C-alpha atoms as a PDB file:
ATOM      1  CA  MET A   1    -104.435 -58.792  72.198  1.00  0.00           C
ATOM      2  CA  GLU A   2    -104.473 -62.265  70.779  1.00  0.00           C
ATOM      3  CA  ASN A   3    -101.061 -63.468  69.664  1.00  0.00           C
ATOM      4  CA  ALA A   4    -102.090 -67.086  69.313  1.00  0.00           C
ATOM      5  CA  ASN A   5    -101.354 -67.164  65.467  1.00  0.00           C
ATOM      6  CA  LEU A   6     -98.102 -64.902  65.760  1.00  0.00           C
ATOM      7  CA  ASN A   7     -94.565 -66.339  66.277  1.00  0.00           C
ATOM      8  CA  PRO A   8     -93.644 -65.185  69.879  1.00  0.00           C
ATOM      9  CA  LEU A   9     -90.199 -64.284  68.660  1.00  0.00           C
ATOM     10  CA  SER A  10     -91.518 -61.757  66.108  1.00  0.00           C
ATOM     11  CA  LEU A  11     -91.185 -57.910  66.399  1.00  0.00           C
ATOM     12  CA  SER A  12     -95.043 -57.509  66.191  1.00  0.00           C
ATOM     13  CA  VAL A  13     -95.307 -59.516  69.398  1.00  0.00           C
ATOM     14  CA  LYS A  14     -92.442 -57.563  71.112  1.00  0.00           C
ATOM     15  CA  TRP A  15     -93.825 -54.186  69.976  1.00  0.00           C
ATOM     16  CA  PRO A  16     -96.412 -53.952  72.554  1.00  0.00           C
ATOM     17  CA  TYR A  17     -94.063 -54.676  75.300  1.00  0.00           C
ATOM     18  CA  ALA A  18     -91.605 -52.096  73.989  1.00  0.00           C
ATOM     19  CA  ALA A  19     -94.217 -49.408  73.356  1.00  0.00           C
ATOM     20  CA  ARG A  20     -95.686 -49.736  76.802  1.00  0.00           C
ATOM     21  CA  PHE A  21     -92.529 -49.959  78.797  1.00  0.00           C
ATOM     22  CA  GLY A  22     -90.682 -47.477  76.472  1.00  0.00           C
ATOM     23  CA  VAL A  23     -93.142 -44.747  76.837  1.00  0.00           C
ATOM     24  CA  LEU A  24     -93.360 -45.347  80.681  1.00  0.00           C
ATOM     25  CA  ALA A  25     -89.553 -45.154  80.879  1.00  0.00           C
ATOM     26  CA  GLY A  26     -89.633 -42.022  78.693  1.00  0.00           C
ATOM     27  CA  LEU A  27     -92.043 -40.215  80.754  1.00  0.00           C
ATOM     28  CA  LEU A  28     -90.472 -41.319  84.040  1.00  0.00           C
ATOM     29  CA  THR A  29     -87.025 -39.906  82.441  1.00  0.00           C
ATOM     30  CA  ILE A  30     -88.697 -36.765  81.441  1.00  0.00           C
ATOM     31  CA  GLY A  31     -90.171 -36.352  85.066  1.00  0.00           C
ATOM     32  CA  VAL A  32     -86.801 -37.026  86.564  1.00  0.00           C
ATOM     33  CA  THR A  33     -85.160 -34.506  84.167  1.00  0.00           C
ATOM     34  CA  LEU A  34     -87.822 -31.905  84.854  1.00  0.00           C
ATOM     35  CA  MET A  35     -87.520 -32.193  88.620  1.00  0.00           C
ATOM     36  CA  GLY A  36     -83.672 -31.770  88.282  1.00  0.00           C
ATOM     37  CA  TYR A  37     -84.329 -28.615  86.023  1.00  0.00           C
ATOM     38  CA  LEU A  38     -87.039 -27.160  88.244  1.00  0.00           C
ATOM     39  CA  PHE A  39     -85.873 -27.986  91.685  1.00  0.00           C
ATOM     40  CA  ALA A  40     -82.213 -27.182  91.289  1.00  0.00           C
ATOM     41  CA  GLY A  41     -82.898 -23.943  89.430  1.00  0.00           C
ATOM     42  CA  ASP A  42     -79.791 -21.716  89.014  1.00  0.00           C
ATOM     43  CA  SER A  43     -77.969 -23.511  91.811  1.00  0.00           C
ATOM     44  CA  VAL A  44     -77.964 -26.924  89.847  1.00  0.00           C
ATOM     45  CA  SER A  45     -74.462 -28.562  90.190  1.00  0.00           C
ATOM     46  CA  PHE A  46     -73.114 -31.192  87.963  1.00  0.00           C
ATOM     47  CA  GLN A  47     -73.072 -33.644  90.813  1.00  0.00           C
ATOM     48  CA  GLN A  48     -76.763 -33.150  91.342  1.00  0.00           C
ATOM     49  CA  GLN A  49     -77.587 -33.324  87.648  1.00  0.00           C
ATOM     50  CA  GLY A  50     -75.414 -36.527  87.671  1.00  0.00           C
ATOM     51  CA  LEU A  51     -77.600 -37.972  90.472  1.00  0.00           C
ATOM     52  CA  PHE A  52     -80.790 -37.238  88.522  1.00  0.00           C
ATOM     53  CA  SER A  53     -79.403 -38.810  85.403  1.00  0.00           C
ATOM     54  CA  PHE A  54     -78.002 -41.841  87.314  1.00  0.00           C
ATOM     55  CA  GLY A  55     -81.441 -42.284  88.983  1.00  0.00           C
ATOM     56  CA  SER A  56     -83.317 -41.931  85.769  1.00  0.00           C
ATOM     57  CA  PHE A  57     -81.007 -44.478  84.177  1.00  0.00           C
ATOM     58  CA  ILE A  58     -81.770 -46.900  86.997  1.00  0.00           C
ATOM     59  CA  LEU A  59     -85.482 -46.534  86.590  1.00  0.00           C
ATOM     60  CA  VAL A  60     -85.106 -47.247  82.809  1.00  0.00           C
ATOM     61  CA  PHE A  61     -83.185 -50.338  83.571  1.00  0.00           C
ATOM     62  CA  LEU A  62     -85.623 -51.599  86.117  1.00  0.00           C
ATOM     63  CA  LEU A  63     -88.414 -50.946  83.638  1.00  0.00           C
ATOM     64  CA  THR A  64     -86.408 -52.700  80.869  1.00  0.00           C
ATOM     65  CA  TYR A  65     -85.858 -55.669  83.047  1.00  0.00           C
ATOM     66  CA  GLN A  66     -89.529 -55.829  83.972  1.00  0.00           C
ATOM     67  CA  ALA A  67     -90.549 -55.677  80.381  1.00  0.00           C
ATOM     68  CA  ILE A  68     -88.145 -58.464  79.437  1.00  0.00           C
ATOM     69  CA  LYS A  69     -89.380 -60.661  82.325  1.00  0.00           C
ATOM     70  CA  SER A  70     -93.026 -59.970  81.417  1.00  0.00           C
ATOM     71  CA  TYR A  71     -92.470 -60.896  77.688  1.00  0.00           C
ATOM     72  CA  ARG A  72     -90.322 -63.905  78.382  1.00  0.00           C
ATOM     73  CA  ASN A  73     -92.830 -65.326  80.974  1.00  0.00           C
ATOM     74  CA  GLU A  74     -96.055 -64.529  78.972  1.00  0.00           C
ATOM     75  CA  GLN A  75     -94.673 -65.482  75.480  1.00  0.00           C
ATOM     76  CA  LEU A  76     -91.783 -67.635  75.811  1.00  0.00           C
ATOM     77  CA  GLY A  77     -92.500 -69.816  78.762  1.00  0.00           C
ATOM     78  CA  GLY A  78     -89.935 -68.196  81.089  1.00  0.00           C
ATOM     79  CA  TYR A  79     -86.846 -68.398  78.812  1.00  0.00           C
ATOM     80  CA  ILE A  80     -85.213 -65.819  76.341  1.00  0.00           C
ATOM     81  CA  HIS A  81     -82.140 -65.744  74.183  1.00  0.00           C
ATOM     82  CA  PHE A  82     -79.846 -62.872  74.140  1.00  0.00           C
ATOM     83  CA  LYS A  83     -80.964 -61.673  70.771  1.00  0.00           C
ATOM     84  CA  ASP A  84     -84.547 -61.341  71.695  1.00  0.00           C
ATOM     85  CA  SER A  85     -83.770 -59.830  75.052  1.00  0.00           C
ATOM     86  CA  PHE A  86     -81.496 -57.303  73.229  1.00  0.00           C
ATOM     87  CA  GLN A  87     -84.048 -56.478  70.667  1.00  0.00           C
ATOM     88  CA  LEU A  88     -86.906 -55.747  73.183  1.00  0.00           C
ATOM     89  CA  ALA A  89     -84.486 -53.751  75.451  1.00  0.00           C
ATOM     90  CA  ALA A  90     -83.070 -51.759  72.489  1.00  0.00           C
ATOM     91  CA  MET A  91     -86.599 -50.952  71.365  1.00  0.00           C
ATOM     92  CA  ILE A  92     -87.530 -49.588  74.785  1.00  0.00           C
ATOM     93  CA  GLY A  93     -84.250 -47.673  74.889  1.00  0.00           C
ATOM     94  CA  ALA A  94     -85.007 -46.140  71.478  1.00  0.00           C
ATOM     95  CA  ILE A  95     -88.377 -45.011  72.564  1.00  0.00           C
ATOM     96  CA  CYS A  96     -87.262 -43.645  75.769  1.00  0.00           C
ATOM     97  CA  GLY A  97     -84.290 -41.893  74.145  1.00  0.00           C
ATOM     98  CA  PHE A  98     -86.491 -40.298  71.478  1.00  0.00           C
ATOM     99  CA  LEU A  99     -88.808 -39.026  74.042  1.00  0.00           C
ATOM    100  CA  GLY A 100     -86.112 -37.732  76.358  1.00  0.00           C
ATOM    101  CA  SER A 101     -84.443 -36.084  73.274  1.00  0.00           C
ATOM    102  CA  LEU A 102     -87.648 -34.511  72.231  1.00  0.00           C
ATOM    103  CA  PHE A 103     -88.252 -33.153  75.709  1.00  0.00           C
ATOM    104  CA  ASN A 104     -84.889 -31.602  75.793  1.00  0.00           C
ATOM    105  CA  LEU A 105     -85.258 -30.044  72.483  1.00  0.00           C
ATOM    106  CA  ILE A 106     -88.462 -28.308  73.431  1.00  0.00           C
ATOM    107  CA  TYR A 107     -87.504 -27.471  76.985  1.00  0.00           C
ATOM    108  CA  LEU A 108     -84.031 -26.015  76.316  1.00  0.00           C
ATOM    109  CA  SER A 109     -84.989 -24.302  73.121  1.00  0.00           C
ATOM    110  CA  TYR A 110     -88.437 -22.847  74.012  1.00  0.00           C
ATOM    111  CA  VAL A 111     -89.398 -23.230  77.647  1.00  0.00           C
ATOM    112  CA  ASP A 112     -86.317 -22.291  79.742  1.00  0.00           C
ATOM    113  CA  THR A 113     -83.633 -20.999  77.272  1.00  0.00           C
ATOM    114  CA  GLY A 114     -81.830 -19.547  80.080  1.00  0.00           C
ATOM    115  CA  PHE A 115     -80.912 -22.823  81.592  1.00  0.00           C
ATOM    116  CA  ILE A 116     -78.117 -23.389  79.005  1.00  0.00           C
ATOM    117  CA  ASP A 117     -76.605 -19.995  79.991  1.00  0.00           C
ATOM    118  CA  VAL A 118     -76.513 -21.195  83.593  1.00  0.00           C
ATOM    119  CA  LEU A 119     -74.992 -24.570  82.629  1.00  0.00           C
ATOM    120  CA  ILE A 120     -72.459 -22.769  80.370  1.00  0.00           C
ATOM    121  CA  ARG A 121     -71.400 -20.311  83.329  1.00  0.00           C
ATOM    122  CA  GLN A 122     -71.055 -23.331  85.731  1.00  0.00           C
ATOM    123  CA  MET A 123     -68.894 -25.083  83.282  1.00  0.00           C
ATOM    124  CA  GLU A 124     -66.776 -21.947  82.726  1.00  0.00           C
ATOM    125  CA  GLU A 125     -66.325 -21.632  86.499  1.00  0.00           C
ATOM    126  CA  MET A 126     -65.380 -25.361  86.892  1.00  0.00           C
ATOM    127  CA  TYR A 127     -62.819 -25.105  84.093  1.00  0.00           C
ATOM    128  CA  LEU A 128     -61.216 -22.036  85.516  1.00  0.00           C
ATOM    129  CA  LYS A 129     -60.899 -23.770  88.875  1.00  0.00           C
ATOM    130  CA  MET A 130     -59.260 -26.726  87.087  1.00  0.00           C
ATOM    131  CA  GLY A 131     -56.404 -24.399  85.972  1.00  0.00           C
ATOM    132  CA  MET A 132     -57.357 -24.152  82.236  1.00  0.00           C
ATOM    133  CA  ASN A 133     -56.242 -20.883  80.757  1.00  0.00           C
ATOM    134  CA  GLU A 134     -58.874 -18.357  79.337  1.00  0.00           C
ATOM    135  CA  GLY A 135     -58.275 -19.335  75.677  1.00  0.00           C
ATOM    136  CA  GLN A 136     -58.952 -23.062  76.536  1.00  0.00           C
ATOM    137  CA  VAL A 137     -62.057 -22.195  78.515  1.00  0.00           C
ATOM    138  CA  GLU A 138     -63.333 -19.978  75.825  1.00  0.00           C
ATOM    139  CA  GLU A 139     -62.795 -22.546  73.031  1.00  0.00           C
ATOM    140  CA  ALA A 140     -64.604 -25.165  75.303  1.00  0.00           C
ATOM    141  CA  MET A 141     -67.580 -22.806  75.885  1.00  0.00           C
ATOM    142  CA  GLU A 142     -68.077 -22.237  72.385  1.00  0.00           C
ATOM    143  CA  LYS A 143     -68.084 -25.917  71.511  1.00  0.00           C
ATOM    144  CA  LEU A 144     -70.702 -26.319  74.465  1.00  0.00           C
ATOM    145  CA  ARG A 145     -72.861 -23.549  72.938  1.00  0.00           C
ATOM    146  CA  GLU A 146     -72.723 -25.332  69.658  1.00  0.00           C
ATOM    147  CA  GLY A 147     -73.746 -28.541  71.185  1.00  0.00           C
ATOM    148  CA  PHE A 148     -76.779 -26.998  72.924  1.00  0.00           C
ATOM    149  CA  SER A 149     -77.976 -25.320  69.487  1.00  0.00           C
ATOM    150  CA  THR A 150     -81.458 -26.115  68.553  1.00  0.00           C
ATOM    151  CA  VAL A 151     -80.111 -27.785  65.363  1.00  0.00           C
ATOM    152  CA  ASN A 152     -77.855 -30.067  67.615  1.00  0.00           C
ATOM    153  CA  LEU A 153     -80.605 -30.646  70.077  1.00  0.00           C
ATOM    154  CA  ALA A 154     -82.774 -31.758  66.966  1.00  0.00           C
ATOM    155  CA  LYS A 155     -80.117 -33.923  65.789  1.00  0.00           C
ATOM    156  CA  GLY A 156     -80.429 -35.630  69.211  1.00  0.00           C
ATOM    157  CA  LEU A 157     -83.784 -36.997  68.064  1.00  0.00           C
ATOM    158  CA  ILE A 158     -81.843 -39.392  65.747  1.00  0.00           C
ATOM    159  CA  THR A 159     -78.609 -40.026  67.785  1.00  0.00           C
ATOM    160  CA  GLY A 160     -80.284 -40.174  71.091  1.00  0.00           C
ATOM    161  CA  PRO A 161     -82.555 -43.090  70.499  1.00  0.00           C
ATOM    162  CA  LEU A 162     -79.791 -44.825  68.658  1.00  0.00           C
ATOM    163  CA  ILE A 163     -77.258 -44.537  71.497  1.00  0.00           C
ATOM    164  CA  TYR A 164     -79.644 -45.042  74.192  1.00  0.00           C
ATOM    165  CA  GLY A 165     -81.220 -48.065  72.537  1.00  0.00           C
ATOM    166  CA  LEU A 166     -77.821 -49.636  72.074  1.00  0.00           C
ATOM    167  CA  ILE A 167     -76.661 -49.132  75.640  1.00  0.00           C
ATOM    168  CA  ILE A 168     -80.067 -50.369  77.157  1.00  0.00           C
ATOM    169  CA  GLY A 169     -80.199 -53.008  74.610  1.00  0.00           C
ATOM    170  CA  LEU A 170     -76.772 -54.553  75.514  1.00  0.00           C
ATOM    171  CA  VAL A 171     -77.245 -54.243  79.235  1.00  0.00           C
ATOM    172  CA  GLY A 172     -80.862 -55.182  79.168  1.00  0.00           C
ATOM    173  CA  GLY A 173     -80.167 -58.105  76.946  1.00  0.00           C
ATOM    174  CA  LEU A 174     -77.502 -59.463  79.080  1.00  0.00           C
ATOM    175  CA  ILE A 175     -79.449 -58.931  82.282  1.00  0.00           C
ATOM    176  CA  GLY A 176     -82.657 -60.128  80.962  1.00  0.00           C
ATOM    177  CA  ARG A 177     -81.701 -63.331  79.209  1.00  0.00           C
ATOM    178  CA  ARG A 178     -82.562 -66.522  80.789  1.00  0.00           C
ATOM    179  CA  LYS A 179     -81.475 -69.843  79.232  1.00  0.00           C
ATOM    180  CA  ASN A 180     -83.130 -73.161  79.505  1.00  0.00           C
ATOM    181  CA  ARG A 181     -80.741 -75.316  81.617  1.00  0.00           C
ATOM    182  CA  ALA A 182     -82.898 -78.406  81.418  1.00  0.00           C
ATOM    183  CA  PRO A 183     -81.282 -81.061  79.381  1.00  0.00           C
ATOM    184  CA  GLU A 184     -83.100 -81.948  76.161  1.00  0.00           C
ATOM    185  CA  SER A 185     -84.203 -85.491  75.824  1.00  0.00           C
ATOM    186  CA  GLY A 186     -84.117 -87.563  72.620  1.00  0.00           C
ATOM    187  CA  PHE A 187     -87.641 -88.722  73.227  1.00  0.00           C
END
């Protein structure tokens, strides 16, 4: 791709990096999530799901850092401001978040609808062990069921990319930036 005539700070130059690394991060996130769903089965615990989620998040951050590093070295001579680092990281996060939300919508609504029941049962057991009364537990379970409705999972196609893009953008923007520390000469 020839970018010689394009401003290296433009979104059209950032887009190929965001698309490539965002899709890769999304696919890796889906793979890790699917492994968590399939290998844990009915015995999945919140700690196990948390480990899978944390591992997935780390993979996304590593890929985001690699994308920023590639972009800044290939397009900007090794230096990048926070704004540009944030934009690229947010685009990657949004793509990854959309793919992950789409996967969850399809998987939880059509592929393994029983998974939500297992999750709700585990949450109910956990709340009872915490000492919540039956009324509180039932109210919490109703809200949880609402949250996993197909409509709310579909809403995640909008909110997921926004939230994930913002989080990845802020952290990636801070980690990926590199200022030029060389003093500027007046010559």
